[in-house]
Amino acid sequence: MAAPSAEELRERLERRLGAELVQVEAAGACPGSFRLLVVSASFRGRRLLERHRLVNEALGEELGRIHALEQRTLTPEQWREESGRDLQQSA
């Protein structure tokens, strides 16, 4: 089974998490390795492990086609604080 594309992952996370910002990068030489940045209001009040579980659940069956996944999960407020930009400026 082939690895999913970065675009497939981005679309799925935007749709299932209502994510305001999703960045997907290939990570390493393996086509099934990805690095994610996901900014979503659904992460508010949740610990890191809970956020990562939400991402994994949102990816669903695509997760079985991924070899390695690095996640960075932020609320919109955390994104503004770290980047100094609003989400509209990041799109």
Protein backbone atom coordinates (compact mmCIF):
# COMPACT_ATOMS: atom_id res chain seq x y z
CA MET A 1 0.00 0.00 0.00
CA ALA A 2 1.38 3.38 -1.00
CA ALA A 3 1.90 6.17 1.50
CA PRO A 4 -0.67 8.99 1.46
CA SER A 5 0.27 12.32 -0.09
CA ALA A 6 0.90 15.44 1.96
CA GLU A 7 -2.19 16.97 0.33
CA GLU A 8 -4.38 14.03 1.41
CA LEU A 9 -3.20 14.42 5.00
CA ARG A 10 -3.71 18.19 4.96
CA GLU A 11 -7.26 17.93 3.60
CA ARG A 12 -8.25 15.20 6.05
CA LEU A 13 -6.95 17.14 9.08
CA GLU A 14 -8.62 20.36 7.97
CA ARG A 15 -11.93 18.58 7.44
CA ARG A 16 -11.98 16.31 10.51
CA LEU A 17 -10.42 18.67 13.08
CA GLY A 18 -11.66 21.95 11.66
CA ALA A 19 -7.99 22.94 11.68
CA GLU A 20 -7.25 26.57 10.89
CA LEU A 21 -3.72 25.77 9.70
CA VAL A 22 -2.13 22.50 8.61
CA GLN A 23 1.40 22.24 7.28
CA VAL A 24 2.64 18.84 6.10
CA GLU A 25 6.25 18.21 5.13
CA ALA A 26 8.04 15.08 4.05
CA ALA A 27 10.44 14.02 6.79
CA GLY A 28 13.42 12.03 5.63
CA ALA A 29 14.00 9.77 2.66
CA CYS A 30 11.10 7.41 3.38
CA PRO A 31 7.97 8.40 1.40
CA GLY A 32 5.77 7.53 4.39
CA SER A 33 7.46 9.89 6.87
CA PHE A 34 5.81 13.23 7.64
CA ARG A 35 6.19 16.26 9.90
CA LEU A 36 2.92 18.01 10.80
CA LEU A 37 2.02 21.38 12.22
CA VAL A 38 -1.67 21.49 13.11
CA VAL A 39 -3.38 24.55 14.59
CA SER A 40 -6.91 23.89 15.81
CA ALA A 41 -9.32 25.29 18.37
CA SER A 42 -10.21 21.68 19.19
CA PHE A 43 -6.89 21.44 21.06
CA ARG A 44 -7.94 24.02 23.68
CA GLY A 45 -7.81 22.59 27.19
CA ARG A 46 -6.23 19.33 26.04
CA ARG A 47 -2.86 17.92 26.99
CA LEU A 48 -0.26 17.01 24.38
CA LEU A 49 -1.07 13.31 24.36
CA GLU A 50 -4.78 14.06 23.91
CA ARG A 51 -3.99 16.38 20.99
CA HIS A 52 -1.86 13.73 19.30
CA ARG A 53 -4.63 11.17 19.76
CA LEU A 54 -7.08 13.54 18.08
CA VAL A 55 -4.71 13.88 15.11
CA ASN A 56 -4.22 10.11 14.91
CA GLU A 57 -8.00 9.54 15.03
CA ALA A 58 -8.57 12.19 12.36
CA LEU A 59 -6.08 10.47 10.06
CA GLY A 60 -7.97 7.21 10.50
CA GLU A 61 -6.97 4.50 8.06
CA GLU A 62 -4.33 6.78 6.51
CA LEU A 63 -2.32 6.26 9.69
CA GLY A 64 -1.72 2.64 8.69
CA ARG A 65 0.04 3.87 5.54
CA ILE A 66 2.40 6.22 7.42
CA HIS A 67 5.84 5.02 8.48
CA ALA A 68 6.78 7.90 10.80
CA LEU A 69 4.82 10.92 12.01
CA GLU A 70 6.12 13.94 13.91
CA GLN A 71 3.37 16.16 15.27
CA ARG A 72 3.29 19.72 16.50
CA THR A 73 -0.17 20.66 17.76
CA LEU A 74 -1.11 24.19 18.80
CA THR A 75 -4.20 26.19 19.65
CA PRO A 76 -4.76 29.37 17.62
CA GLU A 77 -3.66 31.38 20.66
CA GLN A 78 -0.42 29.43 20.97
CA TRP A 79 0.23 29.93 17.24
CA ARG A 80 -0.24 33.72 17.54
CA GLU A 81 2.03 33.86 20.59
CA GLU A 82 4.81 31.84 18.95
CA SER A 83 4.64 33.22 15.41
CA GLY A 84 3.52 36.77 16.10
CA ARG A 85 1.03 36.37 13.23
CA ASP A 86 -2.68 35.82 12.90
CA LEU A 87 -3.80 32.69 11.10
CA GLN A 88 -5.07 34.77 8.16
CA GLN A 89 -1.50 35.99 7.59
CA SER A 90 -0.25 32.40 7.52
CA ALA A 91 -2.57 31.07 4.85
